[in-house]
N, C-alpha and C. Protein backbone atom coordinates (compact mmCIF):
# COMPACT_ATOMS: atom_id res chain seq x y z
N UNK A 1 0.84 -1.18 0.00
CA UNK A 1 0.00 0.00 0.00
C UNK A 1 0.89 1.25 0.00
N UNK A 2 0.63 2.13 -0.91
CA UNK A 2 1.40 3.36 -1.00
C UNK A 2 0.77 4.41 -0.09
N UNK A 3 1.38 4.64 1.07
CA UNK A 3 0.81 5.59 2.03
C UNK A 3 1.21 7.03 1.74
N UNK A 4 2.07 7.25 0.75
CA UNK A 4 2.53 8.60 0.47
C UNK A 4 1.72 9.30 -0.61
N UNK A 5 1.10 8.57 -1.51
CA UNK A 5 0.36 9.22 -2.59
C UNK A 5 -1.08 9.54 -2.18
N UNK A 6 -1.57 8.89 -1.14
CA UNK A 6 -2.93 9.14 -0.66
C UNK A 6 -2.85 10.13 0.49
N UNK A 7 -3.60 11.24 0.43
CA UNK A 7 -3.51 12.21 1.53
C UNK A 7 -4.10 11.64 2.82
N UNK A 8 -3.45 11.92 3.93
CA UNK A 8 -3.98 11.53 5.23
C UNK A 8 -5.20 12.40 5.52
N UNK A 9 -6.09 11.88 6.36
CA UNK A 9 -7.35 12.59 6.61
C UNK A 9 -7.61 12.72 8.10
N UNK A 10 -8.36 13.81 8.45
CA UNK A 10 -8.83 13.96 9.82
C UNK A 10 -9.82 12.84 10.10
N UNK A 11 -9.71 12.23 11.26
CA UNK A 11 -10.59 11.12 11.60
C UNK A 11 -12.04 11.57 11.75
N UNK A 12 -12.26 12.78 12.29
CA UNK A 12 -13.63 13.20 12.56
C UNK A 12 -14.37 13.72 11.33
N UNK A 13 -13.65 14.34 10.39
CA UNK A 13 -14.34 14.96 9.25
C UNK A 13 -14.00 14.30 7.92
N UNK A 14 -12.90 13.56 7.87
CA UNK A 14 -12.48 12.96 6.61
C UNK A 14 -11.77 13.94 5.69
N UNK A 15 -11.56 15.18 6.16
CA UNK A 15 -10.89 16.20 5.35
C UNK A 15 -9.41 15.86 5.22
N UNK A 16 -8.82 16.14 4.05
CA UNK A 16 -7.39 15.88 3.90
C UNK A 16 -6.58 16.60 4.97
N UNK A 17 -5.57 15.93 5.47
CA UNK A 17 -4.75 16.47 6.56
C UNK A 17 -3.47 17.07 6.01
N UNK A 18 -3.27 18.32 6.32
CA UNK A 18 -2.00 18.97 6.08
C UNK A 18 -1.80 19.96 7.22
N UNK A 19 -0.60 20.45 7.38
CA UNK A 19 -0.30 21.29 8.54
C UNK A 19 -1.18 22.53 8.59
N UNK A 20 -1.35 23.20 7.47
CA UNK A 20 -2.14 24.44 7.46
C UNK A 20 -3.60 24.17 7.84
N UNK A 21 -4.16 23.08 7.32
CA UNK A 21 -5.54 22.73 7.67
C UNK A 21 -5.63 22.43 9.16
N UNK A 22 -4.68 21.66 9.67
CA UNK A 22 -4.68 21.31 11.08
C UNK A 22 -4.52 22.55 11.95
N UNK A 23 -3.59 23.44 11.57
CA UNK A 23 -3.36 24.66 12.34
C UNK A 23 -4.61 25.55 12.35
N UNK A 24 -5.27 25.66 11.20
CA UNK A 24 -6.50 26.46 11.13
C UNK A 24 -7.56 25.88 12.05
N UNK A 25 -7.68 24.57 12.07
CA UNK A 25 -8.66 23.91 12.95
C UNK A 25 -8.34 24.18 14.42
N UNK A 26 -7.06 24.13 14.77
CA UNK A 26 -6.65 24.42 16.15
C UNK A 26 -7.01 25.85 16.52
N UNK A 27 -6.82 26.79 15.60
CA UNK A 27 -7.18 28.18 15.86
C UNK A 27 -8.68 28.33 16.05
N UNK A 28 -9.48 27.61 15.27
CA UNK A 28 -10.93 27.64 15.43
C UNK A 28 -11.33 27.10 16.80
N UNK A 29 -10.69 26.01 17.23
CA UNK A 29 -10.99 25.43 18.54
C UNK A 29 -10.61 26.42 19.64
N UNK A 30 -9.43 27.05 19.52
CA UNK A 30 -9.01 28.05 20.51
C UNK A 30 -10.03 29.17 20.61
N UNK A 31 -10.50 29.65 19.47
CA UNK A 31 -11.45 30.76 19.45
C UNK A 31 -12.75 30.37 20.16
N UNK A 32 -13.25 29.18 19.88
CA UNK A 32 -14.48 28.72 20.51
C UNK A 32 -14.30 28.59 22.02
N UNK A 33 -13.18 28.04 22.44
CA UNK A 33 -12.95 27.89 23.89
C UNK A 33 -12.83 29.25 24.55
N UNK A 34 -12.15 30.19 23.92
CA UNK A 34 -12.04 31.54 24.48
C UNK A 34 -13.42 32.18 24.59
N UNK A 35 -14.27 31.99 23.59
CA UNK A 35 -15.62 32.53 23.65
C UNK A 35 -16.40 31.90 24.79
N UNK A 36 -16.22 30.60 25.00
CA UNK A 36 -16.93 29.91 26.09
C UNK A 36 -16.46 30.41 27.45
N UNK A 37 -15.15 30.61 27.58
CA UNK A 37 -14.62 31.14 28.85
C UNK A 37 -15.16 32.54 29.09
N UNK A 38 -15.24 33.36 28.05
CA UNK A 38 -15.81 34.70 28.18
C UNK A 38 -17.27 34.63 28.62
N UNK A 39 -18.03 33.74 28.02
CA UNK A 39 -19.44 33.57 28.41
C UNK A 39 -19.51 33.18 29.88
N UNK A 40 -18.68 32.24 30.28
CA UNK A 40 -18.66 31.79 31.68
C UNK A 40 -18.33 32.96 32.61
N UNK A 41 -17.23 33.67 32.32
CA UNK A 41 -16.80 34.77 33.19
C UNK A 41 -17.84 35.88 33.27
N UNK A 42 -18.41 36.26 32.13
CA UNK A 42 -19.42 37.31 32.13
C UNK A 42 -20.67 36.88 32.88
N UNK A 43 -21.03 35.62 32.73
CA UNK A 43 -22.22 35.10 33.41
C UNK A 43 -22.01 35.04 34.92
N UNK A 44 -20.82 34.59 35.34
CA UNK A 44 -20.50 34.55 36.78
C UNK A 44 -20.51 35.96 37.34
N UNK A 45 -19.91 36.92 36.61
CA UNK A 45 -19.86 38.30 37.07
C UNK A 45 -21.26 38.89 37.19
N UNK A 46 -22.17 38.42 36.33
CA UNK A 46 -23.56 38.90 36.37
C UNK A 46 -24.37 38.20 37.46
N UNK A 47 -23.76 37.20 38.13
CA UNK A 47 -24.44 36.51 39.22
C UNK A 47 -25.41 35.43 38.78
N UNK A 48 -25.23 34.91 37.57
CA UNK A 48 -26.12 33.85 37.09
C UNK A 48 -25.82 32.53 37.79
N UNK A 49 -26.84 31.71 37.91
CA UNK A 49 -26.67 30.37 38.50
C UNK A 49 -26.00 29.45 37.49
N UNK A 50 -25.55 28.29 37.97
CA UNK A 50 -24.92 27.32 37.06
C UNK A 50 -25.88 26.89 35.96
N UNK A 51 -27.15 26.69 36.30
CA UNK A 51 -28.14 26.31 35.28
C UNK A 51 -28.29 27.39 34.22
N UNK A 52 -28.29 28.64 34.65
CA UNK A 52 -28.41 29.74 33.69
C UNK A 52 -27.16 29.83 32.81
N UNK A 53 -26.00 29.58 33.41
CA UNK A 53 -24.76 29.59 32.62
C UNK A 53 -24.78 28.46 31.60
N UNK A 54 -25.22 27.29 32.02
CA UNK A 54 -25.32 26.17 31.08
C UNK A 54 -26.27 26.49 29.94
N UNK A 55 -27.38 27.16 30.25
CA UNK A 55 -28.31 27.56 29.19
C UNK A 55 -27.63 28.49 28.20
N UNK A 56 -26.84 29.44 28.71
CA UNK A 56 -26.11 30.35 27.81
C UNK A 56 -25.12 29.58 26.93
N UNK A 57 -24.43 28.61 27.53
CA UNK A 57 -23.48 27.82 26.75
C UNK A 57 -24.20 26.96 25.72
N UNK A 58 -25.36 26.44 26.07
CA UNK A 58 -26.15 25.67 25.10
C UNK A 58 -26.56 26.55 23.93
N UNK A 59 -26.98 27.79 24.24
CA UNK A 59 -27.36 28.71 23.17
C UNK A 59 -26.16 28.99 22.26
N UNK A 60 -25.00 29.16 22.86
CA UNK A 60 -23.79 29.38 22.07
C UNK A 60 -23.50 28.17 21.20
N UNK A 61 -23.59 26.97 21.79
CA UNK A 61 -23.33 25.74 21.03
C UNK A 61 -24.26 25.59 19.84
N UNK A 62 -25.49 26.06 19.99
CA UNK A 62 -26.46 25.94 18.90
C UNK A 62 -26.01 26.73 17.67
N UNK A 63 -25.11 27.69 17.86
CA UNK A 63 -24.62 28.48 16.73
C UNK A 63 -23.40 27.85 16.05
N UNK A 64 -22.83 26.82 16.68
CA UNK A 64 -21.62 26.19 16.14
C UNK A 64 -21.98 25.17 15.06
N UNK A 65 -21.11 25.00 14.07
CA UNK A 65 -21.32 23.94 13.09
C UNK A 65 -21.23 22.58 13.78
N UNK A 66 -21.95 21.60 13.26
CA UNK A 66 -22.00 20.28 13.89
C UNK A 66 -20.62 19.65 14.02
N UNK A 67 -19.77 19.84 13.01
CA UNK A 67 -18.45 19.22 13.10
C UNK A 67 -17.61 19.80 14.23
N UNK A 68 -17.88 21.04 14.63
CA UNK A 68 -17.14 21.63 15.75
C UNK A 68 -17.58 20.99 17.06
N UNK A 69 -18.87 20.76 17.24
CA UNK A 69 -19.32 20.13 18.49
C UNK A 69 -18.83 18.69 18.55
N UNK A 70 -18.72 18.02 17.41
CA UNK A 70 -18.16 16.65 17.40
C UNK A 70 -16.69 16.69 17.79
N UNK A 71 -15.95 17.66 17.26
CA UNK A 71 -14.53 17.77 17.56
C UNK A 71 -14.31 18.06 19.03
N UNK A 72 -15.09 18.97 19.57
CA UNK A 72 -14.91 19.35 20.96
C UNK A 72 -15.45 18.31 21.92
N UNK A 73 -16.48 17.58 21.50
CA UNK A 73 -17.02 16.51 22.33
C UNK A 73 -17.74 17.00 23.57
N UNK A 74 -18.13 16.06 24.40
CA UNK A 74 -18.82 16.40 25.64
C UNK A 74 -17.82 16.99 26.62
N UNK A 75 -18.14 17.96 27.44
CA UNK A 75 -19.44 18.60 27.54
C UNK A 75 -19.65 19.73 26.56
N UNK A 76 -18.83 19.82 25.51
CA UNK A 76 -19.01 20.87 24.53
C UNK A 76 -20.17 20.60 23.59
N UNK A 77 -20.67 19.38 23.57
CA UNK A 77 -21.78 19.04 22.70
C UNK A 77 -23.08 19.63 23.18
N UNK A 78 -24.16 19.19 22.62
CA UNK A 78 -25.44 19.80 22.91
C UNK A 78 -26.13 19.20 24.14
N UNK A 79 -25.64 18.08 24.68
CA UNK A 79 -26.28 17.43 25.83
C UNK A 79 -25.52 17.74 27.11
N UNK A 80 -25.79 18.89 27.69
CA UNK A 80 -25.13 19.28 28.93
C UNK A 80 -25.80 18.64 30.12
N UNK A 81 -25.04 18.49 31.19
CA UNK A 81 -25.58 18.05 32.47
C UNK A 81 -25.11 19.06 33.50
N UNK A 82 -25.98 19.38 34.44
CA UNK A 82 -25.68 20.42 35.42
C UNK A 82 -24.46 20.07 36.26
N UNK A 83 -24.21 18.78 36.49
CA UNK A 83 -23.10 18.41 37.36
C UNK A 83 -21.73 18.63 36.71
N UNK A 84 -21.68 18.98 35.43
CA UNK A 84 -20.39 19.27 34.82
C UNK A 84 -19.76 20.49 35.48
N UNK A 85 -18.46 20.42 35.66
CA UNK A 85 -17.70 21.58 36.12
C UNK A 85 -17.53 22.48 34.89
N UNK A 86 -18.05 23.69 34.96
CA UNK A 86 -17.99 24.57 33.79
C UNK A 86 -17.03 25.73 34.02
N UNK A 87 -16.07 25.54 34.91
CA UNK A 87 -15.10 26.60 35.19
C UNK A 87 -14.16 26.78 34.00
N UNK A 88 -13.52 27.94 33.90
CA UNK A 88 -12.56 28.15 32.81
C UNK A 88 -11.45 27.11 32.81
N UNK A 89 -11.04 26.65 34.00
CA UNK A 89 -9.98 25.65 34.07
C UNK A 89 -10.45 24.35 33.40
N UNK A 90 -11.71 23.99 33.62
CA UNK A 90 -12.25 22.77 33.02
C UNK A 90 -12.34 22.92 31.50
N UNK A 91 -12.79 24.09 31.07
CA UNK A 91 -12.89 24.33 29.63
C UNK A 91 -11.50 24.26 29.00
N UNK A 92 -10.50 24.83 29.68
CA UNK A 92 -9.14 24.79 29.15
C UNK A 92 -8.60 23.36 29.14
N UNK A 93 -8.94 22.59 30.17
CA UNK A 93 -8.50 21.19 30.21
C UNK A 93 -9.11 20.41 29.04
N UNK A 94 -10.36 20.71 28.71
CA UNK A 94 -10.99 20.04 27.59
C UNK A 94 -10.37 20.46 26.27
N UNK A 95 -9.89 21.70 26.20
CA UNK A 95 -9.18 22.13 24.99
C UNK A 95 -7.92 21.28 24.82
N UNK A 96 -7.19 21.09 25.92
CA UNK A 96 -5.97 20.27 25.85
C UNK A 96 -6.32 18.84 25.44
N UNK A 97 -7.42 18.32 25.96
CA UNK A 97 -7.85 16.97 25.60
C UNK A 97 -8.22 16.91 24.12
N UNK A 98 -8.91 17.94 23.62
CA UNK A 98 -9.28 17.97 22.21
C UNK A 98 -8.04 17.99 21.33
N UNK A 99 -7.03 18.75 21.75
CA UNK A 99 -5.79 18.81 20.99
C UNK A 99 -5.11 17.45 20.98
N UNK A 100 -5.11 16.79 22.15
CA UNK A 100 -4.49 15.47 22.23
C UNK A 100 -5.21 14.49 21.32
N UNK A 101 -6.55 14.56 21.30
CA UNK A 101 -7.33 13.67 20.43
C UNK A 101 -7.02 13.96 18.96
N UNK A 102 -6.90 15.24 18.62
CA UNK A 102 -6.59 15.61 17.23
C UNK A 102 -5.20 15.09 16.85
N UNK A 103 -4.24 15.22 17.78
CA UNK A 103 -2.89 14.73 17.51
C UNK A 103 -2.89 13.22 17.33
N UNK A 104 -3.63 12.51 18.21
CA UNK A 104 -3.69 11.05 18.11
C UNK A 104 -4.33 10.63 16.78
N UNK A 105 -5.38 11.35 16.38
CA UNK A 105 -6.03 11.03 15.10
C UNK A 105 -5.06 11.26 13.95
N UNK A 106 -4.28 12.34 14.05
CA UNK A 106 -3.31 12.63 13.01
C UNK A 106 -2.23 11.54 12.99
N UNK A 107 -1.74 11.17 14.18
CA UNK A 107 -0.72 10.12 14.26
C UNK A 107 -1.26 8.79 13.76
N UNK A 108 -2.50 8.48 14.10
CA UNK A 108 -3.12 7.22 13.69
C UNK A 108 -3.23 7.15 12.17
N UNK A 109 -3.46 8.29 11.55
CA UNK A 109 -3.62 8.29 10.10
C UNK A 109 -2.30 7.95 9.39
N UNK A 110 -1.19 8.09 10.09
CA UNK A 110 0.10 7.75 9.50
C UNK A 110 0.45 6.28 9.65
N UNK A 111 -0.31 5.55 10.48
CA UNK A 111 -0.01 4.13 10.70
C UNK A 111 -0.55 3.27 9.58
């Protein structure tokens, strides 16, 4: 099997994998996480309850393309649960996890 003539693909979308595409996707993920942290911080500053904050995050998620919610995964998807920790630290940890998953998918495509 010639693994060099066939372009490697992202596992979640099937899009051809190259550094620029991957980097652009990482920037999109960063932007979404930063927006979520801003929503969280603004909501906490406004004195909203956790349920109200989750509702705001659900509304934000509804504006995201489906492939982004798949990439980010739970709890970034549309099925939130109140017991999730929605602190900025948790959101940042999930960003790191998403990056690790993207890297593993990229590495797996080379096998």
